[in-house]
Amino acid sequence: EPTVRTEVMEQIPPIAIFLQESRPNFPTAFFEYLMPIVVRYLTDVNNQVRKAGQEALLILLEQDLVAQSDIENKVCPILLDLSAPDSDDEYKVEAVNIICKMASMLSRTTVEHMLLPRFCELCSDGKLFQVRKICAANFGDICNAVGQEATERLLIPKFFELCSDSVWGMRKACAECFMAVSYTTSPEVRRSKLSPLFISLISDTCRWVRQAAFQSLGPFISTFANPSSAGLYIREDGTLSIRPSPQDGNSSSSQPSSNVTLVSSSANA
């Protein structure tokens, strides 16, 4: 019964945490028994079971419970199969979504060598606009995961494609993550390539795209500032924040001393 498999999958993370804490007593139980179940359920015929499997996998990765060898030899190959050009549409959408969510939890080498080539292919998927939209919405996270060199060499050309996509929702998603993409590039790429691209979004024929671009205008401009003098930095959740100066720290207790979130890439910031 799918409900039984779903319930089993929801119990995997707490069991895995228990086994990790009791590792001397159960040194290989997780890798031998539980991890194969998680991997198998990623391809389950039932949508609810697959969703539970995906959520369990992300929790395990976040808790750093999955060995690097399992990630590279078991998890990534399954996701690459599910996101292949000839894969079922529903499986492909789910796979690209979990690839994007996983990127920030894996090592840069794993993401760049195993997942980045497929992500670049999916950005140009002509069959499913849902796939391209997921790529566009998570583009900043992927750039952050692989760093400046891979971003400028492989991802910026794909970003240009998505920014000129015929579906306005794609262009809007690009406008919303523009700051995160810009932050990962060099000042020269920011000036010579991304600035003209941003002007095209802010002049877009669709008012929703223009609105998203105007909301990202301040954040995009902020990426031109020198972080050491401006005190601006990107937090892990993708928001742009300012570091309080030492003078602020010595001010009265009525003034907040924590980081002040200025803007977010989300539309409801």
Protein backbone atom coordinates (compact mmCIF):
# COMPACT_ATOMS: atom_id res chain seq x y z
CA GLU A 1 0.00 0.00 0.00
CA PRO A 2 1.39 3.45 -0.94
CA THR A 3 0.33 4.88 2.44
CA VAL A 4 2.49 2.28 4.20
CA ARG A 5 5.52 3.10 2.04
CA THR A 6 4.96 6.81 2.64
CA GLU A 7 4.82 6.29 6.39
CA VAL A 8 7.99 4.18 6.27
CA MET A 9 9.79 6.93 4.39
CA GLU A 10 8.75 9.56 6.93
CA GLN A 11 10.39 7.45 9.66
CA ILE A 12 13.72 7.12 7.85
CA PRO A 13 15.33 10.43 8.99
CA PRO A 14 14.73 9.94 12.75
CA ILE A 15 15.92 6.32 12.48
CA ALA A 16 19.01 7.49 10.60
CA ILE A 17 19.76 10.09 13.29
CA PHE A 18 19.40 7.42 15.98
CA LEU A 19 21.76 5.09 14.11
CA GLN A 20 24.28 7.89 13.68
CA GLU A 21 24.23 8.65 17.40
CA SER A 22 24.61 4.92 18.16
CA ARG A 23 27.13 4.25 15.41
CA PRO A 24 29.45 2.01 17.45
CA ASN A 25 26.53 -0.41 17.84
CA PHE A 26 25.21 -0.05 14.28
CA PRO A 27 28.21 0.88 12.13
CA THR A 28 26.74 -0.07 8.74
CA ALA A 29 22.97 -0.37 9.27
CA PHE A 30 22.07 2.92 7.59
CA PHE A 31 24.19 2.36 4.50
CA GLU A 32 23.22 -1.30 4.09
CA TYR A 33 19.48 -1.09 4.75
CA LEU A 34 18.02 2.41 4.86
CA MET A 35 19.89 4.23 2.09
CA PRO A 36 18.89 1.67 -0.59
CA ILE A 37 15.23 2.15 0.40
CA VAL A 38 15.49 5.94 0.05
CA VAL A 39 17.09 5.60 -3.38
CA ARG A 40 14.51 3.05 -4.53
CA TYR A 41 11.57 5.20 -3.44
CA LEU A 42 12.80 8.08 -5.60
CA THR A 43 11.47 6.07 -8.55
CA ASP A 44 8.33 4.72 -6.87
CA VAL A 45 5.22 4.56 -9.05
CA ASN A 46 3.20 6.52 -6.48
CA ASN A 47 3.59 10.29 -6.43
CA GLN A 48 3.10 10.61 -2.67
CA VAL A 49 5.75 7.98 -1.94
CA ARG A 50 8.23 9.72 -4.25
CA LYS A 51 7.55 13.05 -2.56
CA ALA A 52 8.16 11.51 0.87
CA GLY A 53 11.37 9.95 -0.44
CA GLN A 54 12.58 13.28 -1.80
CA GLU A 55 11.86 15.06 1.48
CA ALA A 56 13.63 12.32 3.44
CA LEU A 57 16.67 12.54 1.16
CA LEU A 58 16.94 16.31 1.61
CA ILE A 59 16.72 15.96 5.40
CA LEU A 60 19.44 13.29 5.37
CA LEU A 61 21.68 15.50 3.22
CA GLU A 62 21.03 18.52 5.41
CA GLN A 63 21.98 16.50 8.49
CA ASP A 64 25.12 15.29 6.68
CA LEU A 65 24.09 11.66 7.17
CA VAL A 66 24.72 10.46 3.61
CA ALA A 67 28.24 9.38 2.72
CA GLN A 68 29.94 11.09 -0.21
CA SER A 69 30.28 7.74 -1.97
CA ASP A 70 26.53 7.11 -1.69
CA ILE A 71 25.79 10.57 -3.07
CA GLU A 72 28.03 10.06 -6.08
CA ASN A 73 27.33 6.36 -6.73
CA LYS A 74 23.66 5.99 -5.77
CA VAL A 75 21.79 9.28 -5.51
CA CYS A 76 23.23 11.31 -8.39
CA PRO A 77 22.95 8.49 -10.98
CA ILE A 78 19.25 8.02 -10.15
CA LEU A 79 18.57 11.76 -10.49
CA LEU A 80 20.48 11.90 -13.76
CA ASP A 81 18.40 9.01 -15.11
CA LEU A 82 15.15 10.65 -14.01
CA SER A 83 16.11 13.97 -15.59
CA ALA A 84 17.29 12.46 -18.88
CA PRO A 85 15.74 13.82 -22.12
CA ASP A 86 13.65 10.68 -22.67
CA SER A 87 12.43 10.48 -19.06
CA ASP A 88 8.77 10.72 -18.08
CA ASP A 89 7.66 14.36 -17.76
CA GLU A 90 6.51 14.08 -14.15
CA TYR A 91 9.70 12.32 -13.06
CA LYS A 92 11.84 14.88 -14.88
CA VAL A 93 10.18 17.86 -13.16
CA GLU A 94 10.64 16.22 -9.77
CA ALA A 95 14.26 15.33 -10.51
CA VAL A 96 15.31 18.82 -11.59
CA ASN A 97 13.59 20.25 -8.51
CA ILE A 98 15.52 18.00 -6.14
CA ILE A 99 18.79 18.57 -8.04
CA CYS A 100 18.39 22.31 -7.47
CA LYS A 101 17.59 21.83 -3.78
CA MET A 102 20.52 19.45 -3.29
CA ALA A 103 23.10 21.73 -4.86
CA SER A 104 23.65 23.87 -1.77
CA MET A 105 24.17 20.77 0.41
CA LEU A 106 26.81 19.01 -1.70
CA SER A 107 30.47 19.74 -2.26
CA ARG A 108 31.35 22.11 -5.09
CA THR A 109 33.26 19.35 -6.89
CA THR A 110 30.28 16.96 -6.84
CA VAL A 111 27.86 19.61 -8.10
CA GLU A 112 30.19 20.82 -10.85
CA HIS A 113 31.21 17.40 -12.16
CA MET A 114 28.02 15.40 -11.72
CA LEU A 115 25.03 17.75 -11.72
CA LEU A 116 26.04 20.94 -13.51
CA PRO A 117 26.19 19.46 -17.06
CA ARG A 118 22.66 18.09 -16.68
CA PHE A 119 21.42 21.38 -15.20
CA CYS A 120 22.76 23.23 -18.23
CA GLU A 121 20.93 20.79 -20.52
CA LEU A 122 17.70 21.25 -18.58
CA CYS A 123 17.93 25.04 -18.93
CA SER A 124 17.44 24.50 -22.66
CA ASP A 125 14.68 21.88 -22.37
CA GLY A 126 12.35 22.72 -25.23
CA LYS A 127 9.72 20.18 -24.26
CA LEU A 128 8.73 21.29 -20.76
CA PHE A 129 8.61 24.94 -19.76
CA GLN A 130 8.12 23.77 -16.13
CA VAL A 131 11.65 22.36 -16.21
CA ARG A 132 13.11 25.62 -17.53
CA LYS A 133 11.18 27.60 -14.92
CA ILE A 134 12.58 25.51 -12.05
CA CYS A 135 16.07 26.08 -13.46
CA ALA A 136 15.45 29.83 -13.74
CA ALA A 137 14.00 30.11 -10.23
CA ASN A 138 17.01 28.30 -8.70
CA PHE A 139 19.69 29.76 -10.96
CA GLY A 140 21.26 31.90 -8.24
CA ASP A 141 21.59 28.92 -5.90
CA ILE A 142 23.35 26.87 -8.58
CA CYS A 143 25.74 29.76 -9.31
CA ASN A 144 26.53 30.03 -5.62
CA ALA A 145 27.09 26.27 -5.38
CA VAL A 146 29.64 26.07 -8.21
CA GLY A 147 31.42 29.43 -7.80
CA GLN A 148 32.63 32.17 -10.12
CA GLU A 149 34.67 30.23 -12.68
CA ALA A 150 31.99 27.67 -13.56
CA THR A 151 29.28 30.34 -13.42
CA GLU A 152 31.00 32.55 -15.98
CA ARG A 153 32.10 29.69 -18.22
CA LEU A 154 28.94 27.54 -18.27
CA LEU A 155 26.02 29.20 -16.55
CA ILE A 156 26.02 32.79 -17.83
CA PRO A 157 25.31 31.69 -21.45
CA LYS A 158 22.35 29.66 -20.17
CA PHE A 159 21.18 32.63 -18.11
CA PHE A 160 21.12 34.74 -21.26
CA GLU A 161 18.92 32.10 -22.91
CA LEU A 162 16.48 32.04 -20.02
CA CYS A 163 16.33 35.85 -19.86
CA SER A 164 15.11 35.89 -23.47
CA ASP A 165 12.77 32.89 -23.14
CA SER A 166 9.43 33.20 -24.94
CA VAL A 167 7.55 32.40 -21.72
CA TRP A 168 7.32 35.57 -19.60
CA GLY A 169 7.34 33.58 -16.35
CA MET A 170 10.87 32.46 -17.16
CA ARG A 171 12.08 36.01 -17.67
CA LYS A 172 10.37 37.08 -14.44
CA ALA A 173 12.11 34.28 -12.51
CA CYS A 174 15.45 35.43 -13.95
CA ALA A 175 14.78 39.00 -12.86
CA GLU A 176 14.02 37.83 -9.33
CA CYS A 177 17.31 35.94 -8.95
CA PHE A 178 19.45 38.49 -10.82
CA MET A 179 21.23 39.74 -7.70
CA ALA A 180 22.37 36.24 -6.68
CA VAL A 181 23.72 35.56 -10.18
CA SER A 182 25.49 38.93 -10.32
CA TYR A 183 27.03 38.44 -6.89
CA THR A 184 28.79 35.28 -8.11
CA THR A 185 30.46 36.93 -11.13
CA SER A 186 33.50 39.17 -11.52
CA PRO A 187 33.09 42.97 -11.70
CA GLU A 188 33.96 42.91 -15.41
CA VAL A 189 31.26 40.33 -16.28
CA ARG A 190 28.84 42.24 -14.09
CA ARG A 191 29.54 45.45 -15.97
CA SER A 192 29.94 44.26 -19.54
CA LYS A 193 27.42 41.38 -19.73
CA LEU A 194 24.91 41.48 -16.91
CA SER A 195 24.20 45.22 -17.01
CA PRO A 196 22.94 45.20 -20.63
CA LEU A 197 21.01 42.02 -19.87
CA PHE A 198 19.32 43.66 -16.91
CA ILE A 199 18.37 46.67 -19.04
CA SER A 200 16.59 44.29 -21.42
CA LEU A 201 14.56 42.88 -18.50
CA ILE A 202 13.69 46.29 -17.14
CA SER A 203 12.46 47.20 -20.65
CA ASP A 204 10.58 43.94 -21.17
CA THR A 205 7.23 43.94 -22.99
CA CYS A 206 5.56 42.14 -20.05
CA ARG A 207 4.77 44.36 -17.09
CA TRP A 208 5.22 41.49 -14.62
CA VAL A 209 8.79 41.03 -15.83
CA ARG A 210 9.43 44.77 -15.64
CA GLN A 211 8.00 44.90 -12.11
CA ALA A 212 10.24 42.04 -10.96
CA ALA A 213 13.25 43.71 -12.59
CA PHE A 214 12.55 47.03 -10.85
CA GLN A 215 12.28 45.20 -7.53
CA SER A 216 15.71 43.68 -8.22
CA LEU A 217 17.27 46.95 -9.39
CA GLY A 218 18.52 48.04 -5.97
CA PRO A 219 19.89 44.60 -5.07
CA PHE A 220 21.61 44.37 -8.47
CA ILE A 221 23.21 47.80 -8.03
CA SER A 222 24.41 46.77 -4.57
CA THR A 223 26.52 43.99 -6.11
CA PHE A 224 28.73 46.68 -7.67
CA ALA A 225 29.69 47.94 -4.21
CA ASN A 226 32.95 46.95 -2.56
CA PRO A 227 31.86 44.51 0.21
CA SER A 228 34.74 45.51 2.48
CA SER A 229 33.75 49.17 2.51
CA ALA A 230 29.98 48.87 2.03
CA GLY A 231 29.55 46.04 4.52
CA LEU A 232 27.14 44.22 2.21
CA TYR A 233 27.06 40.45 2.00
CA ILE A 234 24.79 37.62 0.84
CA ARG A 235 23.36 35.40 3.57
CA GLU A 236 22.80 31.66 3.13
CA ASP A 237 19.08 32.21 2.48
CA GLY A 238 19.89 34.42 -0.52
CA THR A 239 19.09 37.76 1.11
CA LEU A 240 21.34 40.79 0.90
CA SER A 241 22.31 42.09 4.32
CA ILE A 242 24.50 44.76 5.87
CA ARG A 243 27.04 44.16 8.61
CA PRO A 244 26.72 46.66 11.46
CA SER A 245 29.77 48.88 11.89
CA PRO A 246 31.72 48.84 15.19
CA GLN A 247 30.16 52.22 16.03
CA ASP A 248 26.71 50.66 15.74
CA GLY A 249 27.72 47.94 18.13
CA ASN A 250 28.68 50.54 20.77
CA SER A 251 25.47 52.51 20.38
CA SER A 252 22.55 52.40 22.78
CA SER A 253 20.84 49.09 23.42
CA SER A 254 17.70 50.36 21.71
CA GLN A 255 19.45 50.01 18.35
CA PRO A 256 19.43 46.52 16.79
CA SER A 257 22.90 44.98 16.63
CA SER A 258 21.99 42.00 14.46
CA ASN A 259 22.26 41.89 10.69
CA VAL A 260 19.59 43.94 8.99
CA THR A 261 17.98 42.30 5.99
CA LEU A 262 17.68 44.87 3.23
CA VAL A 263 16.16 43.01 0.35
CA SER A 264 15.28 39.53 -0.77
CA SER A 265 15.14 37.90 -4.17
CA SER A 266 11.56 36.87 -3.52
CA ALA A 267 8.75 38.94 -4.97
CA ASN A 268 7.12 39.65 -1.61
CA ALA A 269 10.18 41.24 -0.02
